[in-house]
């Protein structure tokens, strides 16, 4: 009677032909029911840029032109142009000073009198009042002159009367063009800062662009400008920097 134990262990499979992963070729599936792996066809990318990811926003690079360099006007010429423009204002202030001096002299006379006559008070005020009225009329005329000369004309053309005489011009620093009437008025209004201990008016003496405080705020410069028929001004030369950075 034969037994399974007597038959011996079963023969081991041939290791040279056995592989844990079945091999296949072509597009045949490796296992029943499994789809073959196919490489997708190449699709070119779209040419227009995609929006940035919300977690990595970026700002597009913007090229900023360099600030030009002008033939900046010397401080002495600016002062002379300023004096020419403000001559009417100085003339209008003369009657006020005359009235002030008359009042001071009459008050000094009354102070030295033992028994002053009260009727002298009217004689004291009448001349001062007359000179004050004359000064107010002249001051209104001077303000009208400033409006036409320094704000309207200089704002449109860059040259007031003083600047035309001294051959200078007020322009915007960024493009070399006149700044307009409103900006010319605001620039003169900001001269209040220059008048503080006169340091702002003296600032062009050592500033590279010969600017006052009002020029720095308004981004303006005063440049040399030839007379009509004279040689053309030199073209502004670039500073070489790509960063951007507005007295008579």
C-alpha atoms as a PDB file:
ATOM      1  CA  UNK A   1       0.000   0.000   0.000  1.00  0.00           C
ATOM      2  CA  UNK A   2       1.487   3.232  -1.101  1.00  0.00           C
ATOM      3  CA  UNK A   3       1.438   6.486   0.928  1.00  0.00           C
ATOM      4  CA  UNK A   4       1.767  10.212   0.070  1.00  0.00           C
ATOM      5  CA  UNK A   5       4.680  10.397   2.456  1.00  0.00           C
ATOM      6  CA  UNK A   6       6.455   7.782   0.452  1.00  0.00           C
ATOM      7  CA  UNK A   7       6.031   9.763  -2.783  1.00  0.00           C
ATOM      8  CA  UNK A   8       8.276  12.527  -1.389  1.00  0.00           C
ATOM      9  CA  UNK A   9       7.894  16.339  -1.521  1.00  0.00           C
ATOM     10  CA  UNK A  10       6.636  17.955  -4.731  1.00  0.00           C
ATOM     11  CA  UNK A  11       9.218  19.251  -7.161  1.00  0.00           C
ATOM     12  CA  UNK A  12      10.161  22.936  -6.785  1.00  0.00           C
ATOM     13  CA  UNK A  13       9.294  25.238  -9.680  1.00  0.00           C
ATOM     14  CA  UNK A  14      11.989  26.418 -12.035  1.00  0.00           C
ATOM     15  CA  UNK A  15      13.316  29.688 -10.487  1.00  0.00           C
ATOM     16  CA  UNK A  16      14.908  30.830 -13.738  1.00  0.00           C
ATOM     17  CA  UNK A  17      11.555  31.306 -15.463  1.00  0.00           C
ATOM     18  CA  UNK A  18       9.521  32.619 -12.466  1.00  0.00           C
ATOM     19  CA  UNK A  19       8.841  36.356 -11.882  1.00  0.00           C
ATOM     20  CA  UNK A  20       6.661  38.006  -9.220  1.00  0.00           C
ATOM     21  CA  UNK A  21       5.326  40.535 -11.775  1.00  0.00           C
ATOM     22  CA  UNK A  22       3.944  39.127 -14.964  1.00  0.00           C
ATOM     23  CA  UNK A  23       5.487  40.556 -18.049  1.00  0.00           C
ATOM     24  CA  UNK A  24       3.509  41.958 -20.919  1.00  0.00           C
ATOM     25  CA  UNK A  25       4.285  43.806 -24.078  1.00  0.00           C
ATOM     26  CA  UNK A  26       2.508  46.352 -26.138  1.00  0.00           C
ATOM     27  CA  UNK A  27      -0.880  47.573 -24.969  1.00  0.00           C
ATOM     28  CA  UNK A  28      -2.035  44.271 -23.528  1.00  0.00           C
ATOM     29  CA  UNK A  29      -3.325  44.609 -19.949  1.00  0.00           C
ATOM     30  CA  UNK A  30      -1.140  42.953 -17.277  1.00  0.00           C
ATOM     31  CA  UNK A  31      -4.183  41.636 -15.373  1.00  0.00           C
ATOM     32  CA  UNK A  32      -7.661  40.729 -16.478  1.00  0.00           C
ATOM     33  CA  UNK A  33      -9.986  43.738 -16.337  1.00  0.00           C
ATOM     34  CA  UNK A  34      -7.216  46.326 -16.013  1.00  0.00           C
ATOM     35  CA  UNK A  35      -6.915  49.057 -18.610  1.00  0.00           C
ATOM     36  CA  UNK A  36      -3.578  49.351 -20.355  1.00  0.00           C
ATOM     37  CA  UNK A  37      -1.395  52.318 -19.514  1.00  0.00           C
ATOM     38  CA  UNK A  38      -1.185  54.758 -22.392  1.00  0.00           C
ATOM     39  CA  UNK A  39       0.974  57.902 -22.507  1.00  0.00           C
ATOM     40  CA  UNK A  40      -1.169  60.972 -23.231  1.00  0.00           C
ATOM     41  CA  UNK A  41      -0.532  62.823 -26.417  1.00  0.00           C
ATOM     42  CA  UNK A  42       1.581  66.027 -26.156  1.00  0.00           C
ATOM     43  CA  UNK A  43      -0.469  69.188 -25.772  1.00  0.00           C
ATOM     44  CA  UNK A  44       1.299  72.578 -26.150  1.00  0.00           C
ATOM     45  CA  UNK A  45       0.906  75.149 -23.373  1.00  0.00           C
ATOM     46  CA  UNK A  46      -1.256  78.199 -23.956  1.00  0.00           C
ATOM     47  CA  UNK A  47       0.681  81.336 -24.872  1.00  0.00           C
ATOM     48  CA  UNK A  48      -1.024  83.813 -22.533  1.00  0.00           C
ATOM     49  CA  UNK A  49       0.263  84.050 -18.910  1.00  0.00           C
ATOM     50  CA  UNK A  50      -1.612  82.355 -16.142  1.00  0.00           C
ATOM     51  CA  UNK A  51      -2.791  84.302 -13.058  1.00  0.00           C
ATOM     52  CA  UNK A  52      -0.529  84.005 -10.000  1.00  0.00           C
ATOM     53  CA  UNK A  53      -1.346  81.664  -7.201  1.00  0.00           C
ATOM     54  CA  UNK A  54      -3.264  83.392  -4.363  1.00  0.00           C
ATOM     55  CA  UNK A  55      -0.607  82.373  -1.862  1.00  0.00           C
ATOM     56  CA  UNK A  56       2.199  83.842  -3.991  1.00  0.00           C
ATOM     57  CA  UNK A  57       1.010  87.179  -5.384  1.00  0.00           C
ATOM     58  CA  UNK A  58       3.442  89.291  -7.343  1.00  0.00           C
ATOM     59  CA  UNK A  59       3.538  92.817  -8.734  1.00  0.00           C
ATOM     60  CA  UNK A  60       4.539  93.271 -12.362  1.00  0.00           C
ATOM     61  CA  UNK A  61       7.774  95.156 -12.920  1.00  0.00           C
ATOM     62  CA  UNK A  62       7.239  98.757 -14.056  1.00  0.00           C
ATOM     63  CA  UNK A  63       9.988 100.751 -15.701  1.00  0.00           C
ATOM     64  CA  UNK A  64      10.312 104.284 -14.362  1.00  0.00           C
ATOM     65  CA  UNK A  65      12.273 106.793 -16.442  1.00  0.00           C
ATOM     66  CA  UNK A  66      15.228 108.480 -14.750  1.00  0.00           C
ATOM     67  CA  UNK A  67      14.878 112.043 -13.489  1.00  0.00           C
ATOM     68  CA  UNK A  68      16.414 114.488 -15.986  1.00  0.00           C
ATOM     69  CA  UNK A  69      19.158 116.957 -15.109  1.00  0.00           C
ATOM     70  CA  UNK A  70      18.581 120.622 -16.048  1.00  0.00           C
ATOM     71  CA  UNK A  71      20.736 123.765 -16.166  1.00  0.00           C
ATOM     72  CA  UNK A  72      19.597 124.946 -12.740  1.00  0.00           C
ATOM     73  CA  UNK A  73      19.508 128.708 -12.189  1.00  0.00           C
ATOM     74  CA  UNK A  74      21.952 130.281  -9.760  1.00  0.00           C
ATOM     75  CA  UNK A  75      20.609 131.693  -6.500  1.00  0.00           C
ATOM     76  CA  UNK A  76      21.509 135.314  -7.349  1.00  0.00           C
ATOM     77  CA  UNK A  77      19.463 135.303 -10.541  1.00  0.00           C
ATOM     78  CA  UNK A  78      16.489 133.847  -8.718  1.00  0.00           C
ATOM     79  CA  UNK A  79      16.633 136.618  -6.123  1.00  0.00           C
ATOM     80  CA  UNK A  80      16.738 139.355  -8.775  1.00  0.00           C
ATOM     81  CA  UNK A  81      13.780 137.837 -10.622  1.00  0.00           C
ATOM     82  CA  UNK A  82      11.850 137.637  -7.354  1.00  0.00           C
ATOM     83  CA  UNK A  83      12.479 141.328  -6.615  1.00  0.00           C
ATOM     84  CA  UNK A  84      11.257 142.361 -10.074  1.00  0.00           C
ATOM     85  CA  UNK A  85       8.023 140.382  -9.676  1.00  0.00           C
ATOM     86  CA  UNK A  86       7.286 141.817  -6.211  1.00  0.00           C
ATOM     87  CA  UNK A  87       8.026 145.489  -6.942  1.00  0.00           C
ATOM     88  CA  UNK A  88       4.271 146.405  -6.927  1.00  0.00           C
ATOM     89  CA  UNK A  89       3.863 144.764  -3.529  1.00  0.00           C
ATOM     90  CA  UNK A  90       6.767 146.744  -2.089  1.00  0.00           C
ATOM     91  CA  UNK A  91       5.333 149.962  -3.511  1.00  0.00           C
ATOM     92  CA  UNK A  92       1.911 149.211  -2.006  1.00  0.00           C
ATOM     93  CA  UNK A  93       3.490 148.796   1.427  1.00  0.00           C
ATOM     94  CA  UNK A  94       4.951 152.322   1.389  1.00  0.00           C
ATOM     95  CA  UNK A  95       1.661 154.116   2.348  1.00  0.00           C
ATOM     96  CA  UNK A  96       1.219 151.782   5.319  1.00  0.00           C
ATOM     97  CA  UNK A  97       4.679 152.696   6.579  1.00  0.00           C
ATOM     98  CA  UNK A  98       4.005 156.403   6.036  1.00  0.00           C
ATOM     99  CA  UNK A  99       0.808 156.197   8.065  1.00  0.00           C
ATOM    100  CA  UNK A 100       2.588 154.271  10.812  1.00  0.00           C
ATOM    101  CA  UNK A 101       5.361 156.880  11.017  1.00  0.00           C
ATOM    102  CA  UNK A 102       2.837 159.747  11.176  1.00  0.00           C
ATOM    103  CA  UNK A 103       0.948 158.094  14.021  1.00  0.00           C
ATOM    104  CA  UNK A 104       4.206 157.417  15.890  1.00  0.00           C
ATOM    105  CA  UNK A 105       5.367 161.045  15.517  1.00  0.00           C
ATOM    106  CA  UNK A 106       2.011 162.538  16.606  1.00  0.00           C
ATOM    107  CA  UNK A 107       1.759 160.199  19.601  1.00  0.00           C
ATOM    108  CA  UNK A 108       5.278 161.209  20.641  1.00  0.00           C
ATOM    109  CA  UNK A 109       4.292 164.907  20.407  1.00  0.00           C
ATOM    110  CA  UNK A 110       1.175 164.362  22.519  1.00  0.00           C
ATOM    111  CA  UNK A 111       3.165 162.427  25.103  1.00  0.00           C
ATOM    112  CA  UNK A 112       5.527 165.364  25.602  1.00  0.00           C
ATOM    113  CA  UNK A 113       2.686 167.890  25.942  1.00  0.00           C
ATOM    114  CA  UNK A 114       1.685 168.790  29.486  1.00  0.00           C
ATOM    115  CA  UNK A 115      -2.041 169.300  28.814  1.00  0.00           C
ATOM    116  CA  UNK A 116      -2.884 167.686  25.458  1.00  0.00           C
ATOM    117  CA  UNK A 117      -6.049 168.856  23.688  1.00  0.00           C
ATOM    118  CA  UNK A 118      -8.512 165.967  23.076  1.00  0.00           C
ATOM    119  CA  UNK A 119      -9.366 167.437  19.668  1.00  0.00           C
ATOM    120  CA  UNK A 120      -5.842 166.593  18.534  1.00  0.00           C
ATOM    121  CA  UNK A 121      -6.854 162.923  18.413  1.00  0.00           C
ATOM    122  CA  UNK A 122      -8.885 163.539  15.257  1.00  0.00           C
ATOM    123  CA  UNK A 123      -5.956 165.348  13.661  1.00  0.00           C
ATOM    124  CA  UNK A 124      -3.851 162.332  14.596  1.00  0.00           C
ATOM    125  CA  UNK A 125      -6.073 159.700  12.973  1.00  0.00           C
ATOM    126  CA  UNK A 126      -7.152 161.461   9.777  1.00  0.00           C
ATOM    127  CA  UNK A 127      -3.719 161.427   8.014  1.00  0.00           C
ATOM    128  CA  UNK A 128      -3.023 157.854   9.099  1.00  0.00           C
ATOM    129  CA  UNK A 129      -6.462 156.747   7.849  1.00  0.00           C
ATOM    130  CA  UNK A 130      -5.906 158.447   4.490  1.00  0.00           C
ATOM    131  CA  UNK A 131      -2.544 156.750   3.990  1.00  0.00           C
ATOM    132  CA  UNK A 132      -4.024 153.406   5.015  1.00  0.00           C
ATOM    133  CA  UNK A 133      -6.786 153.681   2.411  1.00  0.00           C
ATOM    134  CA  UNK A 134      -4.220 154.510  -0.265  1.00  0.00           C
ATOM    135  CA  UNK A 135      -2.178 151.514   0.810  1.00  0.00           C
ATOM    136  CA  UNK A 136      -5.199 149.177   0.616  1.00  0.00           C
ATOM    137  CA  UNK A 137      -6.021 150.317  -2.921  1.00  0.00           C
ATOM    138  CA  UNK A 138      -2.439 149.798  -4.022  1.00  0.00           C
ATOM    139  CA  UNK A 139      -2.286 146.423  -2.305  1.00  0.00           C
ATOM    140  CA  UNK A 140      -5.387 145.220  -4.185  1.00  0.00           C
ATOM    141  CA  UNK A 141      -3.759 146.318  -7.431  1.00  0.00           C
ATOM    142  CA  UNK A 142      -0.555 144.492  -6.439  1.00  0.00           C
ATOM    143  CA  UNK A 143      -2.475 141.276  -5.734  1.00  0.00           C
ATOM    144  CA  UNK A 144      -4.091 141.526  -9.171  1.00  0.00           C
ATOM    145  CA  UNK A 145      -0.628 141.932 -10.674  1.00  0.00           C
ATOM    146  CA  UNK A 146       0.639 138.874  -8.824  1.00  0.00           C
ATOM    147  CA  UNK A 147      -2.340 136.839 -10.035  1.00  0.00           C
ATOM    148  CA  UNK A 148      -1.700 137.754 -13.656  1.00  0.00           C
ATOM    149  CA  UNK A 149       2.101 137.736 -13.618  1.00  0.00           C
ATOM    150  CA  UNK A 150       3.182 134.945 -11.256  1.00  0.00           C
ATOM    151  CA  UNK A 151       0.187 132.585 -11.284  1.00  0.00           C
ATOM    152  CA  UNK A 152      -1.556 132.906 -14.651  1.00  0.00           C
ATOM    153  CA  UNK A 153       1.316 133.792 -17.003  1.00  0.00           C
ATOM    154  CA  UNK A 154       4.084 131.944 -15.182  1.00  0.00           C
ATOM    155  CA  UNK A 155       1.817 128.926 -14.690  1.00  0.00           C
ATOM    156  CA  UNK A 156       1.076 128.684 -18.410  1.00  0.00           C
ATOM    157  CA  UNK A 157       4.457 129.621 -19.868  1.00  0.00           C
ATOM    158  CA  UNK A 158       6.866 129.077 -16.974  1.00  0.00           C
ATOM    159  CA  UNK A 159       8.035 132.712 -17.099  1.00  0.00           C
ATOM    160  CA  UNK A 160       6.865 135.737 -15.137  1.00  0.00           C
ATOM    161  CA  UNK A 161       8.188 139.211 -15.924  1.00  0.00           C
ATOM    162  CA  UNK A 162      11.167 138.754 -13.612  1.00  0.00           C
ATOM    163  CA  UNK A 163      11.982 135.376 -15.140  1.00  0.00           C
ATOM    164  CA  UNK A 164      11.788 136.764 -18.665  1.00  0.00           C
ATOM    165  CA  UNK A 165      14.160 139.603 -17.749  1.00  0.00           C
ATOM    166  CA  UNK A 166      16.634 137.233 -16.046  1.00  0.00           C
ATOM    167  CA  UNK A 167      16.110 134.468 -18.657  1.00  0.00           C
ATOM    168  CA  UNK A 168      14.940 131.757 -16.283  1.00  0.00           C
ATOM    169  CA  UNK A 169      11.972 129.409 -16.336  1.00  0.00           C
ATOM    170  CA  UNK A 170       9.868 127.532 -13.775  1.00  0.00           C
ATOM    171  CA  UNK A 171       9.123 123.940 -14.858  1.00  0.00           C
ATOM    172  CA  UNK A 172       8.036 120.611 -13.405  1.00  0.00           C
ATOM    173  CA  UNK A 173      11.010 118.461 -12.539  1.00  0.00           C
ATOM    174  CA  UNK A 174       9.582 115.258 -13.993  1.00  0.00           C
ATOM    175  CA  UNK A 175       8.912 116.486 -17.553  1.00  0.00           C
ATOM    176  CA  UNK A 176      10.269 120.036 -17.926  1.00  0.00           C
ATOM    177  CA  UNK A 177       6.831 121.535 -18.685  1.00  0.00           C
ATOM    178  CA  UNK A 178       5.041 124.555 -17.071  1.00  0.00           C
ATOM    179  CA  UNK A 179       3.151 123.619 -13.924  1.00  0.00           C
ATOM    180  CA  UNK A 180      -0.147 125.486 -14.466  1.00  0.00           C
ATOM    181  CA  UNK A 181      -1.790 128.385 -12.655  1.00  0.00           C
ATOM    182  CA  UNK A 182      -3.099 126.446  -9.643  1.00  0.00           C
ATOM    183  CA  UNK A 183       0.247 124.818  -8.911  1.00  0.00           C
ATOM    184  CA  UNK A 184       2.025 128.149  -9.367  1.00  0.00           C
ATOM    185  CA  UNK A 185      -0.296 129.682  -6.750  1.00  0.00           C
ATOM    186  CA  UNK A 186       0.249 126.768  -4.340  1.00  0.00           C
ATOM    187  CA  UNK A 187       4.005 127.070  -4.813  1.00  0.00           C
ATOM    188  CA  UNK A 188       3.920 130.759  -3.858  1.00  0.00           C
ATOM    189  CA  UNK A 189       1.691 129.902  -0.911  1.00  0.00           C
ATOM    190  CA  UNK A 190       4.244 127.360   0.311  1.00  0.00           C
ATOM    191  CA  UNK A 191       6.885 130.092   0.371  1.00  0.00           C
ATOM    192  CA  UNK A 192       5.619 130.616   3.925  1.00  0.00           C
ATOM    193  CA  UNK A 193       7.800 127.623   4.845  1.00  0.00           C
ATOM    194  CA  UNK A 194      10.760 129.221   3.080  1.00  0.00           C
ATOM    195  CA  UNK A 195      10.269 132.397   5.095  1.00  0.00           C
ATOM    196  CA  UNK A 196      10.822 130.597   8.413  1.00  0.00           C
ATOM    197  CA  UNK A 197      14.126 132.213   9.508  1.00  0.00           C
ATOM    198  CA  UNK A 198      14.792 132.521   5.738  1.00  0.00           C
ATOM    199  CA  UNK A 199      16.436 129.081   5.701  1.00  0.00           C
ATOM    200  CA  UNK A 200      14.217 127.945   2.825  1.00  0.00           C
ATOM    201  CA  UNK A 201      15.146 130.933   0.673  1.00  0.00           C
ATOM    202  CA  UNK A 202      18.840 130.266   1.344  1.00  0.00           C
ATOM    203  CA  UNK A 203      18.571 126.521   0.670  1.00  0.00           C
ATOM    204  CA  UNK A 204      19.390 126.842  -3.101  1.00  0.00           C
ATOM    205  CA  UNK A 205      22.865 128.068  -2.152  1.00  0.00           C
ATOM    206  CA  UNK A 206      23.972 124.500  -1.285  1.00  0.00           C
ATOM    207  CA  UNK A 207      21.242 122.316  -2.793  1.00  0.00           C
ATOM    208  CA  UNK A 208      22.254 120.242  -5.837  1.00  0.00           C
ATOM    209  CA  UNK A 209      19.068 121.197  -7.719  1.00  0.00           C
ATOM    210  CA  UNK A 210      18.953 124.747  -6.252  1.00  0.00           C
ATOM    211  CA  UNK A 211      15.476 124.121  -4.827  1.00  0.00           C
ATOM    212  CA  UNK A 212      13.689 125.846  -1.986  1.00  0.00           C
ATOM    213  CA  UNK A 213      11.362 123.981   0.365  1.00  0.00           C
ATOM    214  CA  UNK A 214       8.357 124.913  -1.786  1.00  0.00           C
ATOM    215  CA  UNK A 215      10.160 123.569  -4.870  1.00  0.00           C
ATOM    216  CA  UNK A 216      10.828 120.262  -3.131  1.00  0.00           C
ATOM    217  CA  UNK A 217       7.182 119.896  -2.125  1.00  0.00           C
ATOM    218  CA  UNK A 218       5.785 120.890  -5.534  1.00  0.00           C
ATOM    219  CA  UNK A 219       8.498 118.988  -7.490  1.00  0.00           C
ATOM    220  CA  UNK A 220       9.552 122.078  -9.466  1.00  0.00           C
ATOM    221  CA  UNK A 221      12.887 123.533 -10.547  1.00  0.00           C
ATOM    222  CA  UNK A 222      14.000 126.893 -11.941  1.00  0.00           C
ATOM    223  CA  UNK A 223      16.256 126.536 -14.960  1.00  0.00           C
ATOM    224  CA  UNK A 224      18.173 128.837 -17.278  1.00  0.00           C
ATOM    225  CA  UNK A 225      16.191 129.766 -20.383  1.00  0.00           C
ATOM    226  CA  UNK A 226      17.539 131.730 -23.384  1.00  0.00           C
ATOM    227  CA  UNK A 227      15.893 134.837 -24.760  1.00  0.00           C
ATOM    228  CA  UNK A 228      13.745 134.579 -27.926  1.00  0.00           C
ATOM    229  CA  UNK A 229      16.030 134.103 -30.911  1.00  0.00           C
ATOM    230  CA  UNK A 230      18.886 132.831 -28.763  1.00  0.00           C
ATOM    231  CA  UNK A 231      20.411 129.364 -28.788  1.00  0.00           C
ATOM    232  CA  UNK A 232      18.191 126.448 -27.881  1.00  0.00           C
ATOM    233  CA  UNK A 233      18.607 125.009 -24.382  1.00  0.00           C
ATOM    234  CA  UNK A 234      20.547 121.799 -24.010  1.00  0.00           C
ATOM    235  CA  UNK A 235      18.521 118.608 -23.763  1.00  0.00           C
ATOM    236  CA  UNK A 236      18.238 117.238 -20.226  1.00  0.00           C
ATOM    237  CA  UNK A 237      20.754 114.469 -19.544  1.00  0.00           C
ATOM    238  CA  UNK A 238      19.645 111.342 -17.639  1.00  0.00           C
ATOM    239  CA  UNK A 239      20.954 110.863 -14.154  1.00  0.00           C
ATOM    240  CA  UNK A 240      21.605 107.139 -14.620  1.00  0.00           C
ATOM    241  CA  UNK A 241      19.227 106.151 -11.791  1.00  0.00           C
ATOM    242  CA  UNK A 242      16.021 104.258 -12.459  1.00  0.00           C
ATOM    243  CA  UNK A 243      14.179 105.436  -9.347  1.00  0.00           C
ATOM    244  CA  UNK A 244      11.681 108.203  -9.413  1.00  0.00           C
ATOM    245  CA  UNK A 245      12.297 110.508  -7.330  1.00  0.00           C
ATOM    246  CA  UNK A 246       8.156 119.672  -8.003  1.00  0.00           C
ATOM    247  CA  UNK A 247      12.152 131.518  -4.787  1.00  0.00           C
ATOM    248  CA  UNK A 248      11.308 132.812  -8.028  1.00  0.00           C
END
